[in-house]
Amino acid sequence: MFKNILLSTLVCASLNAQSFEIFLQNAIQNSPYLKANSLNVKQAKELSTLTTRYKNPTLALEVSNFSPDIGDNDIGYRAALSQPIRLWGVGANQESLANAQIEETQSLLTLSRAHFIAKLSSLYINYKSSVCAVNLAKEELLISKKIAFISKTRYEAGTIARVKFIQAKVDTARVATALTHREAEKVSAYYSLLGFAGLYEEEEIETSYRFILSETNNLENSAQIAYMKKQGLRAEAEAELNANKLEWINLYGEFEQEPDQSIARVGVAIPLAIFNTKSQERRVAQLEAKKVSLITENISNAKKMKLRELAKSLSILKSLHESSQKLLSSQEELLKIYEEAYKVANIDLIELQMIKNQMILTKEKIIKIKQKQEQKIVEHNLLTGEYND
């Protein structure tokens, strides 16, 4: 009787549902969060022109009134044009800083995208587990109803007391209530997933997708480490630019017309780097680069330890999953034996329900084990740069 009921609760796919791969791609393309982050790159490119652009020339026009002691007044005029000129080598440093700023922003976009994929994947795993939990609760409800039906039949036949029949009905009501709670958790997980994805239309999402552990086991492609390194390069570029005590000189030319003479001038105005040598700015940038380097080293060491932890945890979870599956097979077989025995009054109702509850508990543990496994796989893939592209 239980043969058609005890189906695997770990296969929780929905027919005619959107695959997770398509759902993820739609979320990446349409997410307002990622679109806002992509604008940061365009903004950084625009801001980089502030670093490299030239200063505007200055035009001065002047009219003079000459009043000699004897004779009529006369009018003179003066025109002057000045242009700041960037010194040789400063432009290359400014270009380097501008490029470093753009690369840092692009690296941050890659990091944000990777975190978005990892978070969305985590929410999907939670939703998938909630679907499995609902299916398991439905399976338990069917089993409880079957037990209640057998109890009713035996009660009407006079082979068990009425209290046993009531106990079976109470257990069925308990399982039905638990199913309602599982349904509520499923709804919460579903809308959390859609909400984070930034979608405004409901989509049915299949739950058969399995996350695969990346073959890479190092941090060479880590988005966070790459971003930290770009921060350090930007700080170094700032230090290089601030190493120039002088960045601009002022080239000027002027023409002056007086009543009895004309004057033409060409000259250069050179700032004297006496009090403001930019040594403080350079030192601050150097310290920033050093600080970023040390933080990057610390984060890198911590991530390496995390990868080791994840590898060991996944190994333990794999063994636990295998042993739980073996236990489940034995419990399913035992439940069928006890069910047949209960029909002919060889065992008590409490014993049958205890076997049923143990089997359901094992299946719940298997769902949670799979959930933990995939969560750790996502975390591992994030660390190793699997979600960078």
Protein backbone atom coordinates (compact mmCIF):
# COMPACT_ATOMS: atom_id res chain seq x y z
CA MET A 1 0.00 0.00 0.00
CA PHE A 2 2.86 2.33 0.81
CA LYS A 3 4.74 1.41 -2.35
CA ASN A 4 2.95 4.12 -4.38
CA ILE A 5 3.30 6.68 -1.58
CA LEU A 6 6.95 6.51 -0.54
CA LEU A 7 8.36 8.42 -3.49
CA SER A 8 11.66 10.27 -3.16
CA THR A 9 11.08 13.76 -1.78
CA LEU A 10 14.43 14.89 -3.12
CA VAL A 11 13.18 15.00 -6.72
CA CYS A 12 11.13 18.16 -6.52
CA ALA A 13 11.04 19.39 -10.11
CA SER A 14 8.00 21.20 -11.49
CA LEU A 15 6.67 20.61 -14.97
CA ASN A 16 6.38 23.54 -17.38
CA ALA A 17 8.52 25.70 -15.12
CA GLN A 18 11.30 28.06 -16.08
CA SER A 19 14.79 26.63 -15.65
CA PHE A 20 17.07 28.24 -13.11
CA GLU A 21 19.64 29.05 -15.81
CA ILE A 22 17.08 31.11 -17.76
CA PHE A 23 15.78 32.69 -14.57
CA LEU A 24 19.32 33.68 -13.58
CA GLN A 25 20.10 35.18 -16.98
CA ASN A 26 16.87 37.19 -16.94
CA ALA A 27 17.66 38.43 -13.46
CA ILE A 28 21.18 39.50 -14.49
CA GLN A 29 19.89 41.32 -17.57
CA ASN A 30 16.94 43.02 -15.89
CA SER A 31 18.12 43.62 -12.34
CA PRO A 32 17.93 47.34 -11.49
CA TYR A 33 20.71 46.75 -8.97
CA LEU A 34 23.15 45.50 -11.62
CA LYS A 35 22.03 48.17 -14.08
CA ALA A 36 22.80 50.82 -11.47
CA ASN A 37 26.24 49.29 -10.88
CA SER A 38 26.98 49.23 -14.61
CA LEU A 39 26.37 52.97 -14.68
CA ASN A 40 29.24 53.34 -12.23
CA VAL A 41 31.65 52.28 -14.97
CA LYS A 42 30.28 54.87 -17.37
CA GLN A 43 30.42 57.42 -14.59
CA ALA A 44 34.04 56.49 -13.82
CA LYS A 45 34.98 56.98 -17.46
CA GLU A 46 33.43 60.41 -17.44
CA LEU A 47 35.12 61.30 -14.16
CA SER A 48 38.47 60.11 -15.52
CA THR A 49 38.36 62.94 -18.06
CA LEU A 50 38.45 65.34 -15.12
CA THR A 51 41.88 63.96 -14.27
CA THR A 52 43.33 64.29 -17.77
CA ARG A 53 41.60 67.32 -19.25
CA TYR A 54 43.46 70.58 -19.91
CA LYS A 55 42.69 73.83 -18.19
CA ASN A 56 41.00 76.58 -20.15
CA PRO A 57 42.98 79.63 -21.41
CA THR A 58 42.37 83.06 -19.90
CA LEU A 59 41.76 86.19 -21.95
CA ALA A 60 42.15 89.63 -20.39
CA LEU A 61 41.02 92.84 -22.13
CA GLU A 62 41.80 96.25 -20.73
CA VAL A 63 41.20 99.87 -21.75
CA SER A 64 43.35 102.74 -20.31
CA ASN A 65 42.75 106.45 -20.18
CA PHE A 66 45.99 108.46 -20.41
CA SER A 67 45.79 112.06 -19.10
CA PRO A 68 48.98 114.07 -19.79
CA ASP A 69 49.69 117.30 -17.92
CA ILE A 70 49.43 119.25 -21.19
CA GLY A 71 47.30 118.22 -24.12
CA ASP A 72 44.27 116.11 -24.74
CA ASN A 73 43.45 112.82 -23.07
CA ASP A 74 44.23 109.69 -25.05
CA ILE A 75 42.98 106.10 -24.91
CA GLY A 76 45.15 102.97 -24.75
CA TYR A 77 44.33 99.30 -24.56
CA ARG A 78 45.82 95.99 -23.54
CA ALA A 79 45.04 92.38 -24.51
CA ALA A 80 46.56 89.38 -22.73
CA LEU A 81 46.14 85.64 -23.32
CA SER A 82 47.43 82.95 -20.92
CA GLN A 83 47.34 79.18 -21.20
CA PRO A 84 48.27 76.66 -18.47
CA ILE A 85 50.67 74.07 -19.90
CA ARG A 86 50.95 70.62 -18.35
CA LEU A 87 54.56 69.57 -17.74
CA TRP A 88 56.11 66.64 -19.54
CA GLY A 89 55.46 63.34 -17.72
CA VAL A 90 52.51 64.64 -15.72
CA GLY A 91 50.08 63.73 -18.52
CA ALA A 92 51.26 60.10 -18.52
CA ASN A 93 50.77 59.90 -14.75
CA GLN A 94 47.30 61.38 -15.09
CA GLU A 95 46.43 58.85 -17.80
CA SER A 96 47.66 56.05 -15.54
CA LEU A 97 45.53 57.29 -12.67
CA ALA A 98 42.47 57.66 -14.90
CA ASN A 99 42.89 54.11 -16.22
CA ALA A 100 43.42 52.77 -12.70
CA GLN A 101 40.19 54.45 -11.56
CA ILE A 102 38.25 52.90 -14.45
CA GLU A 103 39.73 49.45 -13.84
CA GLU A 104 38.92 49.69 -10.14
CA THR A 105 35.30 50.50 -10.95
CA GLN A 106 35.08 47.68 -13.49
CA SER A 107 36.52 45.30 -10.92
CA LEU A 108 33.92 46.45 -8.40
CA LEU A 109 31.20 45.78 -10.99
CA THR A 110 32.53 42.24 -11.46
CA LEU A 111 32.54 41.74 -7.68
CA SER A 112 28.98 43.08 -7.36
CA ARG A 113 27.79 40.79 -10.15
CA ALA A 114 29.46 37.75 -8.57
CA HIS A 115 27.88 38.52 -5.19
CA PHE A 116 24.51 39.01 -6.90
CA ILE A 117 24.72 35.58 -8.55
CA ALA A 118 25.84 33.93 -5.32
CA LYS A 119 23.05 35.55 -3.29
CA LEU A 120 20.42 34.70 -5.90
CA SER A 121 21.72 31.11 -5.99
CA SER A 122 21.52 30.92 -2.20
CA LEU A 123 17.92 32.13 -2.21
CA TYR A 124 17.11 29.62 -4.96
CA ILE A 125 18.57 26.81 -2.85
CA ASN A 126 16.40 27.91 0.08
CA TYR A 127 13.34 27.99 -2.17
CA LYS A 128 14.16 24.58 -3.63
CA SER A 129 14.55 23.13 -0.12
CA SER A 130 11.22 24.63 0.91
CA VAL A 131 9.55 22.97 -2.11
CA CYS A 132 11.07 19.64 -1.09
CA ALA A 133 9.88 20.18 2.48
CA VAL A 134 6.32 20.80 1.23
CA ASN A 135 6.42 17.65 -0.89
CA LEU A 136 7.70 15.69 2.08
CA ALA A 137 4.90 17.07 4.28
CA LYS A 138 2.37 16.02 1.63
CA GLU A 139 3.89 12.54 1.57
CA GLU A 140 3.69 12.30 5.34
CA LEU A 141 0.07 13.43 5.22
CA LEU A 142 -0.79 10.65 2.78
CA ILE A 143 0.89 8.09 5.04
CA SER A 144 -0.94 9.45 8.09
CA LYS A 145 -4.26 9.26 6.24
CA LYS A 146 -3.55 5.66 5.27
CA ILE A 147 -2.73 4.80 8.87
CA ALA A 148 -5.90 6.58 10.01
CA PHE A 149 -7.91 4.63 7.42
CA ILE A 150 -6.50 1.33 8.65
CA SER A 151 -7.20 2.39 12.25
CA LYS A 152 -10.79 3.26 11.36
CA THR A 153 -11.24 -0.10 9.65
CA ARG A 154 -9.86 -1.99 12.64
CA TYR A 155 -11.92 0.09 15.08
CA GLU A 156 -15.09 -0.63 13.17
CA ALA A 157 -14.11 -4.29 13.12
CA GLY A 158 -13.62 -4.14 16.89
CA THR A 159 -9.91 -5.11 16.87
CA ILE A 160 -8.64 -1.86 18.42
CA ALA A 161 -9.98 0.61 20.94
CA ARG A 162 -11.55 3.89 19.86
CA VAL A 163 -8.64 5.78 21.45
CA LYS A 164 -6.25 4.31 18.86
CA PHE A 165 -8.45 5.56 16.05
CA ILE A 166 -8.53 9.03 17.66
CA GLN A 167 -4.74 8.98 18.02
CA ALA A 168 -4.41 8.31 14.29
CA LYS A 169 -6.81 11.17 13.48
CA VAL A 170 -4.87 13.54 15.78
CA ASP A 171 -1.61 12.62 14.07
CA THR A 172 -3.20 13.34 10.68
CA ALA A 173 -4.35 16.76 11.91
CA ARG A 174 -0.85 17.48 13.23
CA VAL A 175 0.75 16.63 9.89
CA ALA A 176 -1.83 18.77 8.05
CA THR A 177 -0.92 21.72 10.26
CA ALA A 178 2.78 21.13 9.62
CA LEU A 179 2.04 21.11 5.88
CA THR A 180 0.43 24.54 6.19
CA HIS A 181 3.56 25.86 7.91
CA ARG A 182 5.72 24.39 5.17
CA GLU A 183 3.54 26.03 2.53
CA ALA A 184 3.97 29.40 4.28
CA GLU A 185 7.74 28.95 4.35
CA LYS A 186 7.69 28.07 0.65
CA VAL A 187 5.76 31.25 -0.19
CA SER A 188 8.20 33.35 1.83
CA ALA A 189 11.22 31.76 0.12
CA TYR A 190 9.63 32.19 -3.31
CA TYR A 191 8.95 35.90 -2.96
CA SER A 192 12.33 36.52 -1.34
CA LEU A 193 13.90 34.98 -4.45
CA LEU A 194 11.83 37.08 -6.86
CA GLY A 195 12.28 40.21 -4.79
CA PHE A 196 16.06 39.99 -4.79
CA ALA A 197 16.08 39.25 -8.51
CA GLY A 198 14.31 42.58 -9.05
CA LEU A 199 11.52 41.02 -11.10
CA TYR A 200 8.01 42.42 -11.05
CA GLU A 201 6.21 39.41 -12.55
CA GLU A 202 5.74 36.02 -10.94
CA GLU A 203 7.55 33.11 -12.59
CA GLU A 204 7.25 29.42 -11.88
CA ILE A 205 10.78 28.13 -11.37
CA GLU A 206 11.86 24.52 -11.63
CA THR A 207 13.67 23.05 -8.65
CA SER A 208 15.78 20.29 -10.20
CA TYR A 209 18.90 22.37 -10.84
CA ARG A 210 22.03 21.04 -9.14
CA PHE A 211 25.03 23.20 -8.38
CA ILE A 212 28.39 21.80 -9.44
CA LEU A 213 31.58 22.42 -7.47
CA SER A 214 34.15 24.26 -9.57
CA GLU A 215 37.36 22.40 -10.30
CA THR A 216 39.45 25.42 -9.29
CA ASN A 217 40.64 25.37 -5.71
CA ASN A 218 42.63 28.61 -5.50
CA LEU A 219 42.04 32.35 -5.35
CA GLU A 220 43.66 33.33 -8.65
CA ASN A 221 40.29 34.42 -10.07
CA SER A 222 38.75 35.71 -6.84
CA ALA A 223 36.69 38.81 -7.62
CA GLN A 224 37.24 40.27 -4.17
CA ILE A 225 41.02 39.81 -4.27
CA ALA A 226 41.09 41.29 -7.79
CA TYR A 227 39.14 44.32 -6.58
CA MET A 228 41.49 44.84 -3.65
CA LYS A 229 44.48 44.70 -6.00
CA LYS A 230 42.89 47.29 -8.28
CA GLN A 231 42.42 49.54 -5.25
CA GLY A 232 46.13 49.22 -4.53
CA LEU A 233 47.06 50.05 -8.12
CA ARG A 234 44.86 53.14 -8.03
CA ALA A 235 46.54 54.30 -4.82
CA GLU A 236 49.96 53.72 -6.36
CA ALA A 237 48.95 55.75 -9.43
CA GLU A 238 47.86 58.59 -7.13
CA ALA A 239 51.23 58.45 -5.39
CA GLU A 240 53.05 58.61 -8.75
CA LEU A 241 51.02 61.63 -9.80
CA ASN A 242 51.61 63.40 -6.49
CA ALA A 243 55.34 62.82 -6.87
CA ASN A 244 55.31 65.70 -9.37
CA LYS A 245 55.92 68.85 -7.36
CA LEU A 246 54.94 70.93 -10.36
CA GLU A 247 52.16 69.92 -12.72
CA TRP A 248 51.44 73.13 -14.61
CA ILE A 249 53.23 76.25 -15.82
CA ASN A 250 51.46 79.28 -17.21
CA LEU A 251 52.42 80.49 -20.71
CA TYR A 252 51.22 84.01 -21.46
CA GLY A 253 51.42 86.63 -24.15
CA GLU A 254 50.11 90.18 -24.20
CA PHE A 255 49.98 93.25 -26.38
CA GLU A 256 49.66 96.75 -24.99
CA GLN A 257 49.03 99.92 -26.98
CA GLU A 258 49.86 103.24 -25.32
CA PRO A 259 49.65 106.73 -26.89
CA ASP A 260 53.32 106.88 -27.77
CA GLN A 261 54.36 103.22 -27.83
CA SER A 262 53.31 99.62 -28.43
CA ILE A 263 54.43 96.83 -26.11
CA ALA A 264 54.39 93.07 -26.81
CA ARG A 265 55.24 90.56 -24.09
CA VAL A 266 55.67 86.77 -23.98
CA GLY A 267 56.55 84.96 -20.79
CA VAL A 268 56.19 81.95 -18.53
CA ALA A 269 54.86 81.95 -14.97
CA ILE A 270 56.37 79.09 -12.94
CA PRO A 271 54.90 78.17 -9.54
CA LEU A 272 57.52 77.98 -6.80
CA ALA A 273 57.10 74.71 -4.90
CA ILE A 274 58.31 76.01 -1.56
CA PHE A 275 55.46 75.52 0.91
CA ASN A 276 53.23 73.15 -1.05
CA THR A 277 55.40 70.37 -2.46
CA LYS A 278 52.55 67.77 -2.39
CA SER A 279 54.69 65.57 -0.17
CA GLN A 280 51.77 65.01 2.18
CA GLU A 281 49.47 63.92 -0.64
CA ARG A 282 52.12 61.56 -1.97
CA ARG A 283 52.75 60.08 1.46
CA VAL A 284 49.02 59.60 2.08
CA ALA A 285 48.66 57.77 -1.26
CA GLN A 286 51.69 55.60 -0.50
CA LEU A 287 50.28 54.69 2.91
CA GLU A 288 46.93 53.91 1.31
CA ALA A 289 48.62 51.58 -1.19
CA LYS A 290 50.52 49.87 1.63
CA LYS A 291 47.38 49.52 3.72
CA VAL A 292 45.45 48.00 0.84
CA SER A 293 48.31 45.56 0.21
CA LEU A 294 48.28 44.39 3.82
CA ILE A 295 44.49 44.07 3.90
CA THR A 296 44.59 42.13 0.64
CA GLU A 297 47.16 39.74 2.11
CA ASN A 298 45.03 39.25 5.22
CA ILE A 299 41.86 38.64 3.21
CA SER A 300 43.69 36.26 0.89
CA ASN A 301 44.95 34.18 3.83
CA ALA A 302 41.47 34.10 5.35
CA LYS A 303 39.93 33.01 2.05
CA LYS A 304 42.48 30.22 1.67
CA MET A 305 41.49 28.92 5.09
CA LYS A 306 37.85 29.20 4.10
CA LEU A 307 38.45 27.08 1.00
CA ARG A 308 40.04 24.40 3.17
CA GLU A 309 37.11 24.52 5.55
CA LEU A 310 34.61 24.22 2.69
CA ALA A 311 36.48 21.25 1.21
CA LYS A 312 36.43 19.38 4.53
CA SER A 313 32.80 20.31 5.24
CA LEU A 314 31.69 19.10 1.81
CA SER A 315 33.52 15.83 2.37
CA ILE A 316 31.76 15.32 5.71
CA LEU A 317 28.37 16.23 4.25
CA LYS A 318 28.88 13.80 1.39
CA SER A 319 29.55 10.96 3.83
CA LEU A 320 26.59 12.01 5.96
CA HIS A 321 24.33 12.08 2.90
CA GLU A 322 25.39 8.59 1.83
CA SER A 323 24.83 7.13 5.31
CA SER A 324 21.46 8.89 5.58
CA GLN A 325 20.35 7.44 2.25
CA LYS A 326 21.24 3.94 3.45
CA LEU A 327 19.33 4.55 6.67
CA LEU A 328 16.35 5.82 4.70
CA SER A 329 16.22 2.68 2.56
CA SER A 330 16.11 0.54 5.69
CA GLN A 331 13.44 2.71 7.29
CA GLU A 332 11.23 2.61 4.19
CA GLU A 333 11.46 -1.19 4.12
CA LEU A 334 10.76 -1.36 7.84
CA LEU A 335 7.73 0.91 7.50
CA LYS A 336 6.17 -1.37 4.88
CA ILE A 337 6.70 -4.38 7.14
CA TYR A 338 5.15 -2.59 10.13
CA GLU A 339 2.22 -1.40 8.03
CA GLU A 340 1.40 -4.95 6.98
CA ALA A 341 1.80 -6.10 10.57
CA TYR A 342 -0.51 -3.34 11.82
CA LYS A 343 -3.25 -4.59 9.49
CA VAL A 344 -3.35 -7.92 11.29
CA ALA A 345 -2.85 -6.47 14.79
CA ASN A 346 0.67 -7.75 15.28
CA ILE A 347 2.03 -4.33 16.35
CA ASP A 348 0.74 -1.29 18.17
CA LEU A 349 -0.22 2.01 16.47
CA ILE A 350 2.43 3.91 18.42
CA GLU A 351 5.15 1.66 17.03
CA LEU A 352 3.96 2.23 13.47
CA GLN A 353 3.81 5.99 13.94
CA MET A 354 7.26 5.99 15.52
CA ILE A 355 8.73 4.22 12.47
CA LYS A 356 6.91 6.63 10.19
CA ASN A 357 8.18 9.66 12.10
CA GLN A 358 11.75 8.36 12.06
CA MET A 359 11.61 7.91 8.29
CA ILE A 360 10.21 11.42 7.79
CA LEU A 361 12.88 12.83 10.10
CA THR A 362 15.59 11.13 8.05
CA LYS A 363 14.17 12.60 4.85
CA GLU A 364 14.09 16.04 6.45
CA LYS A 365 17.74 15.64 7.40
CA ILE A 366 18.61 14.63 3.84
CA ILE A 367 16.92 17.77 2.51
CA LYS A 368 18.89 19.91 4.94
CA ILE A 369 22.13 18.11 4.08
CA LYS A 370 21.59 18.78 0.37
CA GLN A 371 20.78 22.39 1.19
CA LYS A 372 24.01 22.80 3.16
CA GLN A 373 26.01 21.07 0.44
CA GLU A 374 24.79 23.38 -2.29
CA GLN A 375 25.15 26.49 -0.13
CA LYS A 376 28.78 25.59 0.46
CA ILE A 377 29.29 24.84 -3.23
CA VAL A 378 27.99 28.32 -4.08
CA GLU A 379 30.31 29.85 -1.49
CA HIS A 380 33.27 27.91 -2.90
CA ASN A 381 32.44 28.93 -6.46
CA LEU A 382 32.17 32.57 -5.43
CA LEU A 383 35.59 32.48 -3.81
CA THR A 384 37.23 30.86 -6.83
CA GLY A 385 35.77 33.29 -9.36
CA GLU A 386 33.20 30.96 -10.95
CA TYR A 387 30.64 33.79 -11.06
CA ASN A 388 32.89 36.52 -12.46
CA ASP A 389 31.68 36.23 -16.07
